[in-house]
PDB file of N, CA and C in Angstrom:
ATOM      1  N   MET A   1      22.059  27.061   7.685  1.00  0.00           N
ATOM      2  CA  MET A   1      21.153  26.142   7.059  1.00  0.00           C
ATOM      3  C   MET A   1      22.285  24.632   7.664  1.00  0.00           C
ATOM      4  N   ALA A   2      22.042  24.249   7.550  1.00  0.00           N
ATOM      5  CA  ALA A   2      23.115  22.867   8.205  1.00  0.00           C
ATOM      6  C   ALA A   2      23.497  22.620   6.713  1.00  0.00           C
ATOM      7  N   LEU A   3      24.328  21.743   6.746  1.00  0.00           N
ATOM      8  CA  LEU A   3      24.714  21.125   6.044  1.00  0.00           C
ATOM      9  C   LEU A   3      24.547  19.263   5.569  1.00  0.00           C
ATOM     10  N   THR A   4      23.570  19.179   4.433  1.00  0.00           N
ATOM     11  CA  THR A   4      23.308  18.292   4.246  1.00  0.00           C
ATOM     12  C   THR A   4      24.230  16.849   4.236  1.00  0.00           C
ATOM     13  N   THR A   5      24.423  15.599   4.615  1.00  0.00           N
ATOM     14  CA  THR A   5      24.463  14.512   5.168  1.00  0.00           C
ATOM     15  C   THR A   5      23.956  13.343   4.916  1.00  0.00           C
ATOM     16  N   ALA A   6      25.117  12.273   4.145  1.00  0.00           N
ATOM     17  CA  ALA A   6      24.127  11.388   3.992  1.00  0.00           C
ATOM     18  C   ALA A   6      23.278  10.615   5.356  1.00  0.00           C
ATOM     19  N   GLU A   7      24.588  11.130   6.477  1.00  0.00           N
ATOM     20  CA  GLU A   7      23.346  10.220   8.024  1.00  0.00           C
ATOM     21  C   GLU A   7      22.728  11.498   7.776  1.00  0.00           C
ATOM     22  N   SER A   8      22.629  12.457   7.831  1.00  0.00           N
ATOM     23  CA  SER A   8      20.633  13.275   8.481  1.00  0.00           C
ATOM     24  C   SER A   8      20.437  13.036   7.775  1.00  0.00           C
ATOM     25  N   ILE A   9      20.532  12.325   6.141  1.00  0.00           N
ATOM     26  CA  ILE A   9      19.424  11.765   5.111  1.00  0.00           C
ATOM     27  C   ILE A   9      18.896  10.655   5.154  1.00  0.00           C
ATOM     28  N   LEU A  10      19.898   9.599   6.063  1.00  0.00           N
ATOM     29  CA  LEU A  10      19.672   8.817   5.846  1.00  0.00           C
ATOM     30  C   LEU A  10      18.588   8.416   7.199  1.00  0.00           C
ATOM     31  N   THR A  11      18.824   8.682   8.337  1.00  0.00           N
ATOM     32  CA  THR A  11      17.755   9.190   9.734  1.00  0.00           C
ATOM     33  C   THR A  11      16.206   9.114   9.420  1.00  0.00           C
ATOM     34  N   PHE A  12      15.726   9.152   8.131  1.00  0.00           N
ATOM     35  CA  PHE A  12      14.333   8.933   7.716  1.00  0.00           C
ATOM     36  C   PHE A  12      14.303   8.045   7.410  1.00  0.00           C
ATOM     37  N   ALA A  13      15.499   6.762   7.209  1.00  0.00           N
ATOM     38  CA  ALA A  13      15.028   5.217   7.175  1.00  0.00           C
ATOM     39  C   ALA A  13      14.735   4.489   8.223  1.00  0.00           C
ATOM     40  N   ALA A  14      14.221   4.892   9.682  1.00  0.00           N
ATOM     41  CA  ALA A  14      15.028   4.534  11.022  1.00  0.00           C
ATOM     42  C   ALA A  14      12.843   4.191  10.743  1.00  0.00           C
ATOM     43  N   PRO A  15      12.598   2.868  11.534  1.00  0.00           N
ATOM     44  CA  PRO A  15      11.092   2.859  10.890  1.00  0.00           C
ATOM     45  C   PRO A  15      10.648   4.197  11.704  1.00  0.00           C
ATOM     46  N   ARG A  16       9.504   4.182  11.693  1.00  0.00           N
ATOM     47  CA  ARG A  16       8.715   4.950  12.415  1.00  0.00           C
ATOM     48  C   ARG A  16       7.675   4.175  13.146  1.00  0.00           C
ATOM     49  N   PRO A  17       6.364   4.496  14.554  1.00  0.00           N
ATOM     50  CA  PRO A  17       6.224   4.022  14.656  1.00  0.00           C
ATOM     51  C   PRO A  17       4.466   3.448  14.321  1.00  0.00           C
ATOM     52  N   PRO A  18       3.662   2.362  13.516  1.00  0.00           N
ATOM     53  CA  PRO A  18       3.261   2.203  13.112  1.00  0.00           C
ATOM     54  C   PRO A  18       1.511   2.916  13.227  1.00  0.00           C
ATOM     55  N   GLN A  19       0.162   2.821  12.572  1.00  0.00           N
ATOM     56  CA  GLN A  19      -0.431   4.316  12.322  1.00  0.00           C
ATOM     57  C   GLN A  19      -1.787   3.313  13.157  1.00  0.00           C
ATOM     58  N   LYS A  20      -2.013   3.243  13.958  1.00  0.00           N
ATOM     59  CA  LYS A  20      -3.736   2.838  14.264  1.00  0.00           C
ATOM     60  C   LYS A  20      -5.201   3.058  13.436  1.00  0.00           C
ATOM     61  N   LEU A  21      -5.611   1.647  13.539  1.00  0.00           N
ATOM     62  CA  LEU A  21      -6.467   1.753  12.761  1.00  0.00           C
ATOM     63  C   LEU A  21      -7.870   0.993  12.804  1.00  0.00           C
ATOM     64  N   HIS A  22      -9.094   2.136  12.702  1.00  0.00           N
ATOM     65  CA  HIS A  22     -10.690   0.999  14.021  1.00  0.00           C
ATOM     66  C   HIS A  22     -11.205   0.587  12.467  1.00  0.00           C
ATOM     67  N   ILE A  23     -11.142  -0.497  12.002  1.00  0.00           N
ATOM     68  CA  ILE A  23     -12.039  -1.049  11.016  1.00  0.00           C
ATOM     69  C   ILE A  23     -12.976  -2.519  11.129  1.00  0.00           C
ATOM     70  N   LYS A  24     -14.332  -0.807  11.358  1.00  0.00           N
ATOM     71  CA  LYS A  24     -15.710  -0.782  12.031  1.00  0.00           C
ATOM     72  C   LYS A  24     -16.040  -2.480  11.236  1.00  0.00           C
ATOM     73  N   ALA A  25     -16.059  -3.389  10.442  1.00  0.00           N
ATOM     74  CA  ALA A  25     -16.831  -3.692   9.287  1.00  0.00           C
ATOM     75  C   ALA A  25     -16.069  -4.940   9.932  1.00  0.00           C
ATOM     76  N   LEU A  26     -14.566  -4.742  10.677  1.00  0.00           N
ATOM     77  CA  LEU A  26     -13.442  -6.273  11.109  1.00  0.00           C
ATOM     78  C   LEU A  26     -13.754  -6.062  12.821  1.00  0.00           C
ATOM     79  N   GLY A  27     -13.990  -5.252  12.905  1.00  0.00           N
ATOM     80  CA  GLY A  27     -14.377  -4.829  14.812  1.00  0.00           C
ATOM     81  C   GLY A  27     -13.209  -4.774  15.631  1.00  0.00           C
ATOM     82  N   GLN A  28     -12.377  -4.469  14.446  1.00  0.00           N
ATOM     83  CA  GLN A  28     -11.280  -4.028  15.783  1.00  0.00           C
ATOM     84  C   GLN A  28     -10.335  -3.259  15.061  1.00  0.00           C
ATOM     85  N   ASP A  29      -9.191  -3.227  15.796  1.00  0.00           N
ATOM     86  CA  ASP A  29      -7.919  -2.220  15.397  1.00  0.00           C
ATOM     87  C   ASP A  29      -7.323  -2.986  14.764  1.00  0.00           C
ATOM     88  N   VAL A  30      -6.808  -2.649  13.552  1.00  0.00           N
ATOM     89  CA  VAL A  30      -5.632  -2.731  12.868  1.00  0.00           C
ATOM     90  C   VAL A  30      -4.373  -1.683  12.538  1.00  0.00           C
ATOM     91  N   TYR A  31      -3.270  -1.984  12.449  1.00  0.00           N
ATOM     92  CA  TYR A  31      -1.829  -1.747  12.266  1.00  0.00           C
ATOM     93  C   TYR A  31      -1.152  -1.389  11.065  1.00  0.00           C
ATOM     94  N   LEU A  32      -1.406   0.115  10.965  1.00  0.00           N
ATOM     95  CA  LEU A  32      -0.579  -0.129   9.429  1.00  0.00           C
ATOM     96  C   LEU A  32       1.035   0.479   9.484  1.00  0.00           C
ATOM     97  N   VAL A  33       1.631   0.091   8.553  1.00  0.00           N
ATOM     98  CA  VAL A  33       3.542   0.403   8.374  1.00  0.00           C
ATOM     99  C   VAL A  33       3.479   1.491   8.521  1.00  0.00           C
ATOM    100  N   ASP A  34       4.824   2.574   7.892  1.00  0.00           N
ATOM    101  CA  ASP A  34       4.411   3.492   7.489  1.00  0.00           C
ATOM    102  C   ASP A  34       6.358   2.249   6.644  1.00  0.00           C
ATOM    103  N   PRO A  35       5.370   3.180   5.051  1.00  0.00           N
ATOM    104  CA  PRO A  35       5.898   2.161   4.057  1.00  0.00           C
ATOM    105  C   PRO A  35       7.767   2.868   3.678  1.00  0.00           C
ATOM    106  N   THR A  36       7.832   2.574   3.116  1.00  0.00           N
ATOM    107  CA  THR A  36       9.300   2.627   2.257  1.00  0.00           C
ATOM    108  C   THR A  36       9.150   2.851   0.683  1.00  0.00           C
ATOM    109  N   ALA A  37      10.212   3.924   0.862  1.00  0.00           N
ATOM    110  CA  ALA A  37      10.071   3.706  -1.370  1.00  0.00           C
ATOM    111  C   ALA A  37      10.485   2.712  -1.843  1.00  0.00           C
ATOM    112  N   ASP A  38      10.543   1.103  -1.583  1.00  0.00           N
ATOM    113  CA  ASP A  38      10.727  -0.139  -1.660  1.00  0.00           C
ATOM    114  C   ASP A  38       9.472  -0.347  -1.968  1.00  0.00           C
ATOM    115  N   ASP A  39       8.472  -0.292  -1.059  1.00  0.00           N
ATOM    116  CA  ASP A  39       7.427  -0.393  -1.027  1.00  0.00           C
ATOM    117  C   ASP A  39       6.618   0.485  -1.508  1.00  0.00           C
ATOM    118  N   ARG A  40       6.938   1.205  -2.383  1.00  0.00           N
ATOM    119  CA  ARG A  40       5.856   1.880  -3.193  1.00  0.00           C
ATOM    120  C   ARG A  40       6.475   0.992  -4.863  1.00  0.00           C
ATOM    121  N   ASP A  41       7.261   0.690  -4.557  1.00  0.00           N
ATOM    122  CA  ASP A  41       8.306   0.014  -5.609  1.00  0.00           C
ATOM    123  C   ASP A  41       7.709  -1.248  -6.132  1.00  0.00           C
ATOM    124  N   GLN A  42       7.167  -1.989  -5.559  1.00  0.00           N
ATOM    125  CA  GLN A  42       6.640  -3.445  -5.070  1.00  0.00           C
ATOM    126  C   GLN A  42       5.409  -2.575  -5.760  1.00  0.00           C
ATOM    127  N   PHE A  43       4.997  -1.583  -5.376  1.00  0.00           N
ATOM    128  CA  PHE A  43       2.763  -1.466  -6.129  1.00  0.00           C
ATOM    129  C   PHE A  43       3.573  -1.232  -7.994  1.00  0.00           C
ATOM    130  N   ASP A  44       4.153   0.436  -8.241  1.00  0.00           N
ATOM    131  CA  ASP A  44       4.695   0.021  -8.836  1.00  0.00           C
ATOM    132  C   ASP A  44       4.381  -1.461  -9.752  1.00  0.00           C
ATOM    133  N   ILE A  45       5.850  -2.580  -9.144  1.00  0.00           N
ATOM    134  CA  ILE A  45       6.376  -2.984 -10.122  1.00  0.00           C
ATOM    135  C   ILE A  45       4.562  -4.076 -10.115  1.00  0.00           C
ATOM    136  N   TRP A  46       3.710  -4.378  -9.008  1.00  0.00           N
ATOM    137  CA  TRP A  46       2.636  -5.466  -9.269  1.00  0.00           C
ATOM    138  C   TRP A  46       1.786  -5.295 -10.960  1.00  0.00           C
ATOM    139  N   ILE A  47       1.793  -3.072 -10.456  1.00  0.00           N
ATOM    140  CA  ILE A  47       0.476  -2.385 -11.220  1.00  0.00           C
ATOM    141  C   ILE A  47       1.230  -2.572 -13.175  1.00  0.00           C
ATOM    142  N   ARG A  48       2.262  -2.671 -13.512  1.00  0.00           N
ATOM    143  CA  ARG A  48       3.733  -2.855 -14.267  1.00  0.00           C
ATOM    144  C   ARG A  48       2.912  -4.008 -14.415  1.00  0.00           C
ATOM    145  N   ASP A  49       3.188  -5.268 -13.559  1.00  0.00           N
ATOM    146  CA  ASP A  49       3.053  -6.777 -14.021  1.00  0.00           C
ATOM    147  C   ASP A  49       2.032  -6.944 -15.066  1.00  0.00           C
ATOM    148  N   ALA A  50       0.443  -6.080 -14.307  1.00  0.00           N
ATOM    149  CA  ALA A  50      -0.987  -6.848 -14.107  1.00  0.00           C
ATOM    150  C   ALA A  50      -1.108  -6.827 -15.705  1.00  0.00           C
ATOM    151  N   LYS A  51      -0.872  -5.019 -16.013  1.00  0.00           N
ATOM    152  CA  LYS A  51      -0.460  -4.162 -17.157  1.00  0.00           C
ATOM    153  C   LYS A  51      -0.300  -4.821 -18.606  1.00  0.00           C
ATOM    154  N   ALA A  52       1.298  -5.480 -17.696  1.00  0.00           N
ATOM    155  CA  ALA A  52       1.838  -5.760 -19.063  1.00  0.00           C
ATOM    156  C   ALA A  52       1.229  -7.028 -19.739  1.00  0.00           C
ATOM    157  N   ALA A  53       0.838  -8.159 -18.567  1.00  0.00           N
ATOM    158  CA  ALA A  53       0.290  -9.832 -18.774  1.00  0.00           C
ATOM    159  C   ALA A  53      -1.293  -9.208 -19.125  1.00  0.00           C
ATOM    160  N   GLY A  54      -1.750  -7.730 -19.568  1.00  0.00           N
ATOM    161  CA  GLY A  54      -2.903  -7.416 -19.948  1.00  0.00           C
ATOM    162  C   GLY A  54      -3.927  -7.731 -19.156  1.00  0.00           C
ATOM    163  N   LYS A  55      -3.781  -7.456 -18.735  1.00  0.00           N
ATOM    164  CA  LYS A  55      -4.771  -8.045 -16.878  1.00  0.00           C
ATOM    165  C   LYS A  55      -5.057  -6.953 -16.432  1.00  0.00           C
ATOM    166  N   ASP A  56      -6.557  -6.563 -16.359  1.00  0.00           N
ATOM    167  CA  ASP A  56      -7.180  -5.795 -15.632  1.00  0.00           C
ATOM    168  C   ASP A  56      -6.415  -4.955 -13.947  1.00  0.00           C
ATOM    169  N   ILE A  57      -6.488  -4.457 -13.524  1.00  0.00           N
ATOM    170  CA  ILE A  57      -5.500  -4.252 -12.593  1.00  0.00           C
ATOM    171  C   ILE A  57      -7.081  -4.086 -10.765  1.00  0.00           C
ATOM    172  N   VAL A  58      -7.857  -5.374 -11.029  1.00  0.00           N
ATOM    173  CA  VAL A  58      -7.614  -5.793 -10.236  1.00  0.00           C
ATOM    174  C   VAL A  58      -6.988  -6.219  -9.047  1.00  0.00           C
ATOM    175  N   GLY A  59      -7.186  -6.393  -7.396  1.00  0.00           N
ATOM    176  CA  GLY A  59      -6.585  -6.765  -6.332  1.00  0.00           C
ATOM    177  C   GLY A  59      -5.305  -5.642  -5.738  1.00  0.00           C
ATOM    178  N   VAL A  60      -5.905  -4.334  -5.820  1.00  0.00           N
ATOM    179  CA  VAL A  60      -5.282  -2.816  -5.303  1.00  0.00           C
ATOM    180  C   VAL A  60      -5.276  -3.007  -3.964  1.00  0.00           C
ATOM    181  N   ARG A  61      -6.386  -3.124  -3.698  1.00  0.00           N
ATOM    182  CA  ARG A  61      -6.792  -2.584  -2.675  1.00  0.00           C
ATOM    183  C   ARG A  61      -5.996  -3.632  -1.476  1.00  0.00           C
ATOM    184  N   GLY A  62      -5.993  -5.224  -2.031  1.00  0.00           N
ATOM    185  CA  GLY A  62      -5.651  -6.006  -1.272  1.00  0.00           C
ATOM    186  C   GLY A  62      -3.877  -5.785  -1.503  1.00  0.00           C
ATOM    187  N   LEU A  63      -3.948  -5.526  -2.824  1.00  0.00           N
ATOM    188  CA  LEU A  63      -1.773  -5.261  -2.461  1.00  0.00           C
ATOM    189  C   LEU A  63      -1.486  -4.165  -1.903  1.00  0.00           C
ATOM    190  N   VAL A  64      -2.317  -3.251  -1.947  1.00  0.00           N
ATOM    191  CA  VAL A  64      -2.328  -1.951  -0.265  1.00  0.00           C
ATOM    192  C   VAL A  64      -2.340  -2.545   1.167  1.00  0.00           C
ATOM    193  N   ALA A  65      -3.118  -3.449   1.456  1.00  0.00           N
ATOM    194  CA  ALA A  65      -3.504  -3.884   2.298  1.00  0.00           C
ATOM    195  C   ALA A  65      -2.230  -4.879   3.180  1.00  0.00           C
ATOM    196  N   SER A  66      -2.113  -5.586   1.898  1.00  0.00           N
ATOM    197  CA  SER A  66      -0.425  -6.235   2.542  1.00  0.00           C
ATOM    198  C   SER A  66       0.477  -6.454   2.306  1.00  0.00           C
ATOM    199  N   LEU A  67       0.928  -4.654   1.948  1.00  0.00           N
ATOM    200  CA  LEU A  67       1.884  -3.752   1.589  1.00  0.00           C
ATOM    201  C   LEU A  67       2.083  -3.293   2.962  1.00  0.00           C
ATOM    202  N   LEU A  68       0.504  -2.634   3.550  1.00  0.00           N
ATOM    203  CA  LEU A  68       1.027  -2.225   5.268  1.00  0.00           C
ATOM    204  C   LEU A  68       0.636  -2.562   6.567  1.00  0.00           C
ATOM    205  N   LEU A  69       0.215  -3.916   6.571  1.00  0.00           N
ATOM    206  CA  LEU A  69      -0.462  -4.609   7.714  1.00  0.00           C
ATOM    207  C   LEU A  69      -0.024  -4.879   8.265  1.00  0.00           C
ATOM    208  N   CYS A  70       0.364  -4.555   9.509  1.00  0.00           N
ATOM    209  CA  CYS A  70       1.436  -4.619  10.636  1.00  0.00           C
ATOM    210  C   CYS A  70       0.584  -4.939  11.964  1.00  0.00           C
ATOM    211  N   ASP A  71       1.830  -5.892  12.755  1.00  0.00           N
ATOM    212  CA  ASP A  71       1.088  -5.916  14.338  1.00  0.00           C
ATOM    213  C   ASP A  71       1.144  -4.285  15.153  1.00  0.00           C
ATOM    214  N   GLU A  72       1.763  -4.200  16.139  1.00  0.00           N
ATOM    215  CA  GLU A  72       1.615  -3.426  16.674  1.00  0.00           C
ATOM    216  C   GLU A  72       3.154  -3.117  16.939  1.00  0.00           C
ATOM    217  N   ASN A  73       3.980  -3.915  16.760  1.00  0.00           N
ATOM    218  CA  ASN A  73       5.179  -3.399  16.492  1.00  0.00           C
ATOM    219  C   ASN A  73       5.726  -3.502  14.977  1.00  0.00           C
ATOM    220  N   GLY A  74       5.482  -3.042  14.250  1.00  0.00           N
ATOM    221  CA  GLY A  74       5.212  -3.183  13.254  1.00  0.00           C
ATOM    222  C   GLY A  74       6.250  -3.132  12.246  1.00  0.00           C
ATOM    223  N   GLU A  75       5.798  -4.876  12.810  1.00  0.00           N
ATOM    224  CA  GLU A  75       6.716  -5.916  12.363  1.00  0.00           C
ATOM    225  C   GLU A  75       4.648  -6.734  10.718  1.00  0.00           C
ATOM    226  N   ARG A  76       5.302  -6.295   9.375  1.00  0.00           N
ATOM    227  CA  ARG A  76       4.492  -6.895   8.258  1.00  0.00           C
ATOM    228  C   ARG A  76       3.592  -8.148   8.780  1.00  0.00           C
ATOM    229  N   LEU A  77       1.751  -8.630   8.389  1.00  0.00           N
ATOM    230  CA  LEU A  77       1.527  -9.768   8.584  1.00  0.00           C
ATOM    231  C   LEU A  77       1.432 -10.440   7.521  1.00  0.00           C
ATOM    232  N   PHE A  78       1.209  -9.393   6.330  1.00  0.00           N
ATOM    233  CA  PHE A  78       1.089 -10.066   4.636  1.00  0.00           C
ATOM    234  C   PHE A  78       2.413  -9.694   4.148  1.00  0.00           C
ATOM    235  N   GLY A  79       2.035 -10.747   3.089  1.00  0.00           N
ATOM    236  CA  GLY A  79       3.425 -10.549   1.689  1.00  0.00           C
ATOM    237  C   GLY A  79       2.506 -10.711   0.933  1.00  0.00           C
ATOM    238  N   ALA A  80       2.814  -9.913  -0.256  1.00  0.00           N
ATOM    239  CA  ALA A  80       2.257  -8.822  -1.801  1.00  0.00           C
ATOM    240  C   ALA A  80       2.006 -10.159  -2.411  1.00  0.00           C
ATOM    241  N   ASP A  81       1.737 -11.500  -1.575  1.00  0.00           N
ATOM    242  CA  ASP A  81       1.629 -12.848  -2.350  1.00  0.00           C
ATOM    243  C   ASP A  81      -0.049 -13.669  -1.821  1.00  0.00           C
ATOM    244  N   ASP A  82       0.104 -12.428  -0.443  1.00  0.00           N
ATOM    245  CA  ASP A  82      -1.256 -12.859   0.314  1.00  0.00           C
ATOM    246  C   ASP A  82      -2.116 -12.019  -0.465  1.00  0.00           C
ATOM    247  N   ALA A  83      -2.199 -11.062  -1.507  1.00  0.00           N
ATOM    248  CA  ALA A  83      -3.119  -9.656  -1.862  1.00  0.00           C
ATOM    249  C   ALA A  83      -4.072 -11.154  -2.380  1.00  0.00           C
ATOM    250  N   ASP A  84      -4.021 -11.063  -3.080  1.00  0.00           N
ATOM    251  CA  ASP A  84      -5.408 -11.449  -3.499  1.00  0.00           C
ATOM    252  C   ASP A  84      -6.795 -12.498  -2.259  1.00  0.00           C
ATOM    253  N   LYS A  85      -5.864 -12.646  -1.090  1.00  0.00           N
ATOM    254  CA  LYS A  85      -5.778 -13.283  -0.280  1.00  0.00           C
ATOM    255  C   LYS A  85      -7.449 -12.055   0.566  1.00  0.00           C
ATOM    256  N   LEU A  86      -6.801 -11.310   0.707  1.00  0.00           N
ATOM    257  CA  LEU A  86      -6.527 -10.091   1.466  1.00  0.00           C
ATOM    258  C   LEU A  86      -7.654  -9.494   0.389  1.00  0.00           C
ATOM    259  N   GLY A  87      -7.581  -9.388  -0.826  1.00  0.00           N
ATOM    260  CA  GLY A  87      -8.198  -8.647  -1.795  1.00  0.00           C
ATOM    261  C   GLY A  87     -10.289  -9.672  -1.728  1.00  0.00           C
ATOM    262  N   LYS A  88     -10.560 -10.598  -0.948  1.00  0.00           N
ATOM    263  CA  LYS A  88     -11.678 -11.284  -0.627  1.00  0.00           C
ATOM    264  C   LYS A  88     -12.724 -10.717   0.287  1.00  0.00           C
ATOM    265  N   LEU A  89     -11.227  -9.861   1.164  1.00  0.00           N
ATOM    266  CA  LEU A  89     -12.830  -9.332   2.154  1.00  0.00           C
ATOM    267  C   LEU A  89     -13.468  -8.199   1.516  1.00  0.00           C
ATOM    268  N   PRO A  90     -14.582  -8.246   2.085  1.00  0.00           N
ATOM    269  CA  PRO A  90     -15.094  -7.158   2.021  1.00  0.00           C
ATOM    270  C   PRO A  90     -14.850  -5.563   1.203  1.00  0.00           C
ATOM    271  N   PRO A  91     -14.920  -5.128   0.708  1.00  0.00           N
ATOM    272  CA  PRO A  91     -14.747  -3.540   0.560  1.00  0.00           C
ATOM    273  C   PRO A  91     -15.153  -2.178   1.686  1.00  0.00           C
ATOM    274  N   SER A  92     -16.330  -2.949   2.506  1.00  0.00           N
ATOM    275  CA  SER A  92     -15.884  -2.347   3.773  1.00  0.00           C
ATOM    276  C   SER A  92     -14.388  -2.066   5.029  1.00  0.00           C
ATOM    277  N   ALA A  93     -14.195  -3.190   5.133  1.00  0.00           N
ATOM    278  CA  ALA A  93     -12.977  -3.846   4.953  1.00  0.00           C
ATOM    279  C   ALA A  93     -11.781  -3.312   4.709  1.00  0.00           C
ATOM    280  N   LEU A  94     -11.233  -2.741   3.595  1.00  0.00           N
ATOM    281  CA  LEU A  94     -10.580  -2.783   2.620  1.00  0.00           C
ATOM    282  C   LEU A  94     -10.261  -0.975   2.844  1.00  0.00           C
ATOM    283  N   GLN A  95     -11.924  -0.658   2.121  1.00  0.00           N
ATOM    284  CA  GLN A  95     -11.686   0.797   2.111  1.00  0.00           C
ATOM    285  C   GLN A  95     -10.771   1.914   2.505  1.00  0.00           C
ATOM    286  N   SER A  96     -10.434   1.844   3.686  1.00  0.00           N
ATOM    287  CA  SER A  96      -9.886   2.522   4.465  1.00  0.00           C
ATOM    288  C   SER A  96      -7.780   2.904   4.918  1.00  0.00           C
ATOM    289  N   ILE A  97      -8.215   1.637   4.566  1.00  0.00           N
ATOM    290  CA  ILE A  97      -6.984   0.472   4.591  1.00  0.00           C
ATOM    291  C   ILE A  97      -6.479   1.675   3.313  1.00  0.00           C
ATOM    292  N   PHE A  98      -6.710   1.272   2.552  1.00  0.00           N
ATOM    293  CA  PHE A  98      -6.399   1.664   1.415  1.00  0.00           C
ATOM    294  C   PHE A  98      -6.254   3.116   1.301  1.00  0.00           C
ATOM    295  N   ASP A  99      -7.347   3.654   1.414  1.00  0.00           N
ATOM    296  CA  ASP A  99      -7.316   5.782   1.511  1.00  0.00           C
ATOM    297  C   ASP A  99      -6.089   6.251   1.650  1.00  0.00           C
ATOM    298  N   ILE A 100      -5.569   5.368   3.283  1.00  0.00           N
ATOM    299  CA  ILE A 100      -5.101   5.711   4.052  1.00  0.00           C
ATOM    300  C   ILE A 100      -3.833   5.083   3.757  1.00  0.00           C
ATOM    301  N   GLY A 101      -3.713   4.246   2.717  1.00  0.00           N
ATOM    302  CA  GLY A 101      -2.334   3.345   2.169  1.00  0.00           C
ATOM    303  C   GLY A 101      -2.037   4.167   0.845  1.00  0.00           C
ATOM    304  N   THR A 102      -3.275   4.676   0.250  1.00  0.00           N
ATOM    305  CA  THR A 102      -2.652   5.585  -0.739  1.00  0.00           C
ATOM    306  C   THR A 102      -1.962   7.243  -0.695  1.00  0.00           C
ATOM    307  N   LYS A 103      -2.319   7.167   0.759  1.00  0.00           N
ATOM    308  CA  LYS A 103      -0.849   9.122   0.681  1.00  0.00           C
ATOM    309  C   LYS A 103      -0.638   8.072   1.666  1.00  0.00           C
ATOM    310  N   LEU A 104       0.263   7.086   1.677  1.00  0.00           N
ATOM    311  CA  LEU A 104       1.198   6.908   2.578  1.00  0.00           C
ATOM    312  C   LEU A 104       1.719   6.758   1.614  1.00  0.00           C
ATOM    313  N   LEU A 105       1.634   5.969   0.441  1.00  0.00           N
ATOM    314  CA  LEU A 105       2.878   5.002  -0.535  1.00  0.00           C
ATOM    315  C   LEU A 105       3.001   6.576  -1.471  1.00  0.00           C
ATOM    316  N   ALA A 106       2.122   7.719  -1.559  1.00  0.00           N
ATOM    317  CA  ALA A 106       2.534   8.551  -2.411  1.00  0.00           C
ATOM    318  C   ALA A 106       1.947   8.241  -3.187  1.00  0.00           C
ATOM    319  N   VAL A 107       0.362   7.989  -3.450  1.00  0.00           N
ATOM    320  CA  VAL A 107       0.166   7.021  -5.445  1.00  0.00           C
ATOM    321  C   VAL A 107      -0.660   8.541  -4.999  1.00  0.00           C
ATOM    322  N   SER A 108      -0.557   9.434  -6.266  1.00  0.00           N
ATOM    323  CA  SER A 108      -1.789  10.373  -6.560  1.00  0.00           C
ATOM    324  C   SER A 108      -3.152  10.675  -7.206  1.00  0.00           C
ATOM    325  N   ASP A 109      -3.399  11.265  -7.105  1.00  0.00           N
ATOM    326  CA  ASP A 109      -4.457  10.736  -7.929  1.00  0.00           C
ATOM    327  C   ASP A 109      -4.997  10.331  -9.598  1.00  0.00           C
ATOM    328  N   SER A 110      -3.400  11.802  -9.652  1.00  0.00           N
ATOM    329  CA  SER A 110      -3.277  11.186 -11.840  1.00  0.00           C
ATOM    330  C   SER A 110      -2.466   9.307 -11.340  1.00  0.00           C
ATOM    331  N   ASP A 111      -2.002   9.787 -10.510  1.00  0.00           N
ATOM    332  CA  ASP A 111      -1.785   7.434 -10.737  1.00  0.00           C
ATOM    333  C   ASP A 111      -3.170   6.564 -10.424  1.00  0.00           C
ATOM    334  N   THR A 112      -4.255   6.631 -10.161  1.00  0.00           N
ATOM    335  CA  THR A 112      -4.886   6.160  -9.883  1.00  0.00           C
ATOM    336  C   THR A 112      -5.907   6.770 -11.098  1.00  0.00           C
ATOM    337  N   GLU A 113      -6.436   7.379 -11.332  1.00  0.00           N
ATOM    338  CA  GLU A 113      -6.873   7.770 -12.725  1.00  0.00           C
ATOM    339  C   GLU A 113      -6.300   7.224 -13.843  1.00  0.00           C
ATOM    340  N   GLU A 114      -5.231   7.302 -13.829  1.00  0.00           N
ATOM    341  CA  GLU A 114      -4.192   6.148 -15.182  1.00  0.00           C
ATOM    342  C   GLU A 114      -4.513   4.663 -14.477  1.00  0.00           C
ATOM    343  N   GLN A 115      -4.063   4.427 -13.886  1.00  0.00           N
ATOM    344  CA  GLN A 115      -4.276   3.109 -13.541  1.00  0.00           C
ATOM    345  C   GLN A 115      -6.021   2.382 -14.164  1.00  0.00           C
ATOM    346  N   ALA A 116      -6.653   3.361 -13.698  1.00  0.00           N
ATOM    347  CA  ALA A 116      -8.479   3.452 -13.894  1.00  0.00           C
ATOM    348  C   ALA A 116      -8.293   3.123 -15.458  1.00  0.00           C
ATOM    349  N   GLY A 117      -8.092   4.344 -16.075  1.00  0.00           N
ATOM    350  CA  GLY A 117      -8.462   4.493 -17.304  1.00  0.00           C
ATOM    351  C   GLY A 117      -7.651   3.174 -17.942  1.00  0.00           C
ATOM    352  N   LYS A 118      -6.349   2.386 -18.021  1.00  0.00           N
ATOM    353  CA  LYS A 118      -5.674   1.176 -18.735  1.00  0.00           C
ATOM    354  C   LYS A 118      -6.383   0.340 -18.512  1.00  0.00           C
ATOM    355  N   SER A 119      -7.625   0.599 -17.164  1.00  0.00           N
ATOM    356  CA  SER A 119      -7.783  -1.152 -16.589  1.00  0.00           C
ATOM    357  C   SER A 119      -9.214  -1.246 -17.793  1.00  0.00           C
ATOM    358  N   ALA A 120     -10.029   0.235 -17.941  1.00  0.00           N
ATOM    359  CA  ALA A 120     -10.877   0.236 -18.771  1.00  0.00           C
ATOM    360  C   ALA A 120     -10.504  -0.284 -19.780  1.00  0.00           C
ATOM    361  N   ALA A 121      -9.169   0.366 -20.447  1.00  0.00           N
ATOM    362  CA  ALA A 121      -8.889   0.073 -21.366  1.00  0.00           C
ATOM    363  C   ALA A 121      -8.759  -1.196 -22.085  1.00  0.00           C
ATOM    364  N   SER A 122      -8.817  -1.804 -20.887  1.00  0.00           N
ATOM    365  CA  SER A 122      -7.791  -3.475 -21.117  1.00  0.00           C
ATOM    366  C   SER A 122      -8.423  -4.375 -22.115  1.00  0.00           C
ATOM    367  N   PRO A 123      -8.178  -5.164 -23.023  1.00  0.00           N
ATOM    368  CA  PRO A 123      -8.831  -5.659 -24.200  1.00  0.00           C
ATOM    369  C   PRO A 123      -9.246  -6.974 -22.696  1.00  0.00           C
TER     370      PRO A 123
END
């Protein structure tokens, strides 16, 4: 077994090619960037801040899309500030991005159940 080094671990930080996905509702292909741990942190912070403000967790599909949609070279098309605008798209346009995105972001079923439960329990 090889000795683990900082270099061997950091090789996983190298960008990987984006994933191509056809969105029938948009009539076109889109690309999803391979997210980083920082992207997952941004997702978690957004959820935490919404809960702290007493808001329902609305806009999570737009947020996931904003974190992952990119061009064919892996350059992001949107920032987290665009999540609200993306959330105005039809559900059919975002659902497959959300499904794949939550897997890429390592959002577990228990994470989504917890978010839904806390959202439903919000005043």
